[in-house]
Amino acid sequence: MSKVLGIDYGTVRTGIAITDSARIIAAPLTTVATKHIWEELQKLISKEKISEVVIGEARRLNGEASEITALQETFVQQFNKKFPDVAVHRINEMFTSKMASRSMVVSGMKKSDRRDKGNIDMISAAILLQSFLDQPHR
């Protein structure tokens, strides 16, 4: 079975997570400068034989789009053009950054590592991907 990527798209950095081959567990993989995201995705999709991606969708508590939602939608459109054979799933990313920060504290990560926003981004991508994996519709 092919693996699934989780993408926490941001204007500066993009967090990426990946599943195991059985698609049971999501793990943080890397954080990429968003300006280099296409090169990184090309390598990962080819190397890992990715057939699906989960991309976060920023929404406010009332369900309205946030400031970054339009940029995320543009990213998804570009993704679909560049990788037409890869299925895209969208999932609400609300609170993933807070959950990532909390998980770093609970896991005992050093304060200096917790300050690295790249760590938050890739852990957020893993939380996003794991919540997709845990959904019963899969």
C-alpha atoms as a PDB file:
ATOM      1  CA  MET A   1       0.000   0.000   0.000  1.00  0.00           C
ATOM      2  CA  SER A   2       1.311   3.464  -0.814  1.00  0.00           C
ATOM      3  CA  LYS A   3       1.988   6.054   1.846  1.00  0.00           C
ATOM      4  CA  VAL A   4       0.061   9.280   2.408  1.00  0.00           C
ATOM      5  CA  LEU A   5       1.592  12.723   2.926  1.00  0.00           C
ATOM      6  CA  GLY A   6       0.213  15.346   5.282  1.00  0.00           C
ATOM      7  CA  ILE A   7       0.872  18.976   4.397  1.00  0.00           C
ATOM      8  CA  ASP A   8       0.534  21.929   6.751  1.00  0.00           C
ATOM      9  CA  TYR A   9       0.934  24.727   4.195  1.00  0.00           C
ATOM     10  CA  GLY A  10       2.189  28.092   5.400  1.00  0.00           C
ATOM     11  CA  THR A  11       3.392  31.272   3.776  1.00  0.00           C
ATOM     12  CA  VAL A  12       6.955  30.893   5.105  1.00  0.00           C
ATOM     13  CA  ARG A  13       7.308  27.206   6.044  1.00  0.00           C
ATOM     14  CA  THR A  14       5.375  24.084   5.166  1.00  0.00           C
ATOM     15  CA  GLY A  15       5.309  21.097   7.482  1.00  0.00           C
ATOM     16  CA  ILE A  16       5.227  17.626   5.972  1.00  0.00           C
ATOM     17  CA  ALA A  17       4.305  14.326   7.592  1.00  0.00           C
ATOM     18  CA  ILE A  18       4.097  10.811   6.195  1.00  0.00           C
ATOM     19  CA  THR A  19       2.334   7.583   7.074  1.00  0.00           C
ATOM     20  CA  ASP A  20       3.827   4.158   7.486  1.00  0.00           C
ATOM     21  CA  SER A  21       3.195   1.765   4.582  1.00  0.00           C
ATOM     22  CA  ALA A  22       0.155   0.282   6.358  1.00  0.00           C
ATOM     23  CA  ARG A  23      -1.350   3.783   6.681  1.00  0.00           C
ATOM     24  CA  ILE A  24      -1.878   3.434  10.424  1.00  0.00           C
ATOM     25  CA  ILE A  25       0.523   5.938  11.943  1.00  0.00           C
ATOM     26  CA  ALA A  26       1.500   9.446  10.842  1.00  0.00           C
ATOM     27  CA  ALA A  27       4.957  10.757  11.680  1.00  0.00           C
ATOM     28  CA  PRO A  28       6.530  14.202  11.248  1.00  0.00           C
ATOM     29  CA  LEU A  29       8.903  14.157   8.291  1.00  0.00           C
ATOM     30  CA  THR A  30      10.319  17.589   7.559  1.00  0.00           C
ATOM     31  CA  THR A  31       9.719  21.301   7.283  1.00  0.00           C
ATOM     32  CA  VAL A  32      10.450  23.007   3.986  1.00  0.00           C
ATOM     33  CA  ALA A  33      10.724  26.668   3.093  1.00  0.00           C
ATOM     34  CA  THR A  34       7.497  27.224   1.163  1.00  0.00           C
ATOM     35  CA  LYS A  35       9.405  28.763  -1.737  1.00  0.00           C
ATOM     36  CA  HIS A  36      11.014  25.310  -2.244  1.00  0.00           C
ATOM     37  CA  ILE A  37       7.906  23.198  -1.663  1.00  0.00           C
ATOM     38  CA  TRP A  38       7.447  22.000  -5.253  1.00  0.00           C
ATOM     39  CA  GLU A  39      10.944  20.556  -5.531  1.00  0.00           C
ATOM     40  CA  GLU A  40      10.556  18.753  -2.211  1.00  0.00           C
ATOM     41  CA  LEU A  41       7.119  17.384  -3.086  1.00  0.00           C
ATOM     42  CA  GLN A  42       8.378  16.154  -6.468  1.00  0.00           C
ATOM     43  CA  LYS A  43      11.140  14.178  -4.727  1.00  0.00           C
ATOM     44  CA  LEU A  44       8.884  12.791  -1.982  1.00  0.00           C
ATOM     45  CA  ILE A  45       5.977  11.812  -4.221  1.00  0.00           C
ATOM     46  CA  SER A  46       8.303   9.993  -6.576  1.00  0.00           C
ATOM     47  CA  LYS A  47      10.498   8.351  -3.921  1.00  0.00           C
ATOM     48  CA  GLU A  48       7.677   7.271  -1.581  1.00  0.00           C
ATOM     49  CA  LYS A  49       5.143   6.481  -4.345  1.00  0.00           C
ATOM     50  CA  ILE A  50       2.548   8.766  -2.779  1.00  0.00           C
ATOM     51  CA  SER A  51      -1.009   8.337  -4.102  1.00  0.00           C
ATOM     52  CA  GLU A  52      -2.818  10.622  -1.642  1.00  0.00           C
ATOM     53  CA  VAL A  53      -2.127  13.817   0.292  1.00  0.00           C
ATOM     54  CA  VAL A  54      -3.975  15.501   3.113  1.00  0.00           C
ATOM     55  CA  ILE A  55      -3.743  19.278   3.063  1.00  0.00           C
ATOM     56  CA  GLY A  56      -4.855  21.426   5.955  1.00  0.00           C
ATOM     57  CA  GLU A  57      -7.669  23.889   5.525  1.00  0.00           C
ATOM     58  CA  ALA A  58      -7.654  26.917   7.798  1.00  0.00           C
ATOM     59  CA  ARG A  59     -11.083  27.816   9.176  1.00  0.00           C
ATOM     60  CA  ARG A  60     -12.188  29.993  12.050  1.00  0.00           C
ATOM     61  CA  LEU A  61     -14.359  28.718  14.900  1.00  0.00           C
ATOM     62  CA  ASN A  62     -17.472  29.929  13.067  1.00  0.00           C
ATOM     63  CA  GLY A  63     -16.437  28.013   9.929  1.00  0.00           C
ATOM     64  CA  GLU A  64     -15.409  31.063   7.915  1.00  0.00           C
ATOM     65  CA  ALA A  65     -12.192  31.152   5.947  1.00  0.00           C
ATOM     66  CA  SER A  66      -9.148  32.670   7.638  1.00  0.00           C
ATOM     67  CA  GLU A  67      -6.477  34.891   6.106  1.00  0.00           C
ATOM     68  CA  ILE A  68      -4.424  32.005   4.719  1.00  0.00           C
ATOM     69  CA  THR A  69      -7.344  29.982   3.320  1.00  0.00           C
ATOM     70  CA  ALA A  70      -7.190  31.612  -0.131  1.00  0.00           C
ATOM     71  CA  LEU A  71      -3.447  30.915  -0.343  1.00  0.00           C
ATOM     72  CA  GLN A  72      -4.071  27.296   0.647  1.00  0.00           C
ATOM     73  CA  GLU A  73      -6.728  26.964  -2.053  1.00  0.00           C
ATOM     74  CA  THR A  74      -4.313  28.336  -4.652  1.00  0.00           C
ATOM     75  CA  PHE A  75      -1.716  25.833  -3.430  1.00  0.00           C
ATOM     76  CA  VAL A  76      -4.233  22.977  -3.816  1.00  0.00           C
ATOM     77  CA  GLN A  77      -5.085  24.076  -7.366  1.00  0.00           C
ATOM     78  CA  GLN A  78      -1.393  24.172  -8.280  1.00  0.00           C
ATOM     79  CA  PHE A  79      -0.862  20.803  -6.593  1.00  0.00           C
ATOM     80  CA  ASN A  80      -3.673  19.258  -8.661  1.00  0.00           C
ATOM     81  CA  LYS A  81      -2.087  20.562 -11.874  1.00  0.00           C
ATOM     82  CA  LYS A  82       1.417  19.369 -10.980  1.00  0.00           C
ATOM     83  CA  PHE A  83       0.350  15.995  -9.557  1.00  0.00           C
ATOM     84  CA  PRO A  84      -2.944  15.028 -11.263  1.00  0.00           C
ATOM     85  CA  ASP A  85      -2.624  11.367 -10.238  1.00  0.00           C
ATOM     86  CA  VAL A  86      -2.390  12.144  -6.516  1.00  0.00           C
ATOM     87  CA  ALA A  87      -5.720  12.381  -4.663  1.00  0.00           C
ATOM     88  CA  VAL A  88      -6.091  15.441  -2.436  1.00  0.00           C
ATOM     89  CA  HIS A  89      -8.068  15.419   0.801  1.00  0.00           C
ATOM     90  CA  ARG A  90      -8.748  18.586   2.781  1.00  0.00           C
ATOM     91  CA  ILE A  91      -9.143  18.562   6.542  1.00  0.00           C
ATOM     92  CA  ASN A  92      -9.704  21.363   9.020  1.00  0.00           C
ATOM     93  CA  GLU A  93      -6.416  22.274  10.663  1.00  0.00           C
ATOM     94  CA  MET A  94      -7.955  24.184  13.558  1.00  0.00           C
ATOM     95  CA  PHE A  95      -5.872  23.948  16.742  1.00  0.00           C
ATOM     96  CA  THR A  96      -3.178  21.713  15.208  1.00  0.00           C
ATOM     97  CA  SER A  97      -0.430  24.220  16.080  1.00  0.00           C
ATOM     98  CA  LYS A  98      -1.619  24.419  19.685  1.00  0.00           C
ATOM     99  CA  MET A  99      -1.823  20.632  19.858  1.00  0.00           C
ATOM    100  CA  ALA A 100       1.690  20.387  18.395  1.00  0.00           C
ATOM    101  CA  SER A 101       3.073  22.836  20.948  1.00  0.00           C
ATOM    102  CA  ARG A 102       1.409  20.936  23.770  1.00  0.00           C
ATOM    103  CA  SER A 103       2.689  17.577  22.538  1.00  0.00           C
ATOM    104  CA  MET A 104       6.249  18.926  22.453  1.00  0.00           C
ATOM    105  CA  VAL A 105       5.955  19.991  26.101  1.00  0.00           C
ATOM    106  CA  VAL A 106       4.407  16.686  27.160  1.00  0.00           C
ATOM    107  CA  SER A 107       7.046  14.678  25.312  1.00  0.00           C
ATOM    108  CA  GLY A 108       9.809  16.499  27.176  1.00  0.00           C
ATOM    109  CA  MET A 109      11.291  18.289  24.165  1.00  0.00           C
ATOM    110  CA  LYS A 110      13.912  20.857  25.138  1.00  0.00           C
ATOM    111  CA  LYS A 111      12.741  24.464  25.282  1.00  0.00           C
ATOM    112  CA  SER A 112      15.168  25.467  22.527  1.00  0.00           C
ATOM    113  CA  ASP A 113      13.686  22.815  20.212  1.00  0.00           C
ATOM    114  CA  ARG A 114      10.142  23.902  21.082  1.00  0.00           C
ATOM    115  CA  ARG A 115      10.984  27.443  19.943  1.00  0.00           C
ATOM    116  CA  ASP A 116      11.837  26.152  16.463  1.00  0.00           C
ATOM    117  CA  LYS A 117       8.663  26.883  14.497  1.00  0.00           C
ATOM    118  CA  GLY A 118       9.681  24.280  11.933  1.00  0.00           C
ATOM    119  CA  ASN A 119       9.144  21.588  14.572  1.00  0.00           C
ATOM    120  CA  ILE A 120       5.650  22.920  15.236  1.00  0.00           C
ATOM    121  CA  ASP A 121       4.864  22.864  11.503  1.00  0.00           C
ATOM    122  CA  MET A 122       5.889  19.270  10.897  1.00  0.00           C
ATOM    123  CA  ILE A 123       4.220  18.025  14.086  1.00  0.00           C
ATOM    124  CA  SER A 124       1.078  19.931  13.052  1.00  0.00           C
ATOM    125  CA  ALA A 125       1.226  18.123   9.694  1.00  0.00           C
ATOM    126  CA  ALA A 126       1.461  14.786  11.541  1.00  0.00           C
ATOM    127  CA  ILE A 127      -1.529  15.655  13.755  1.00  0.00           C
ATOM    128  CA  LEU A 128      -3.496  16.668  10.668  1.00  0.00           C
ATOM    129  CA  LEU A 129      -2.576  13.450   8.868  1.00  0.00           C
ATOM    130  CA  GLN A 130      -3.298  11.252  11.889  1.00  0.00           C
ATOM    131  CA  SER A 131      -6.753  12.795  12.294  1.00  0.00           C
ATOM    132  CA  PHE A 132      -7.438  11.927   8.650  1.00  0.00           C
ATOM    133  CA  LEU A 133      -6.239   8.350   9.195  1.00  0.00           C
ATOM    134  CA  ASP A 134      -8.475   8.015  12.249  1.00  0.00           C
ATOM    135  CA  GLN A 135     -11.621   8.966  10.327  1.00  0.00           C
ATOM    136  CA  PRO A 136     -13.934   5.999   9.730  1.00  0.00           C
ATOM    137  CA  HIS A 137     -14.636   6.803   6.049  1.00  0.00           C
ATOM    138  CA  ARG A 138     -11.212   5.763   4.841  1.00  0.00           C
END
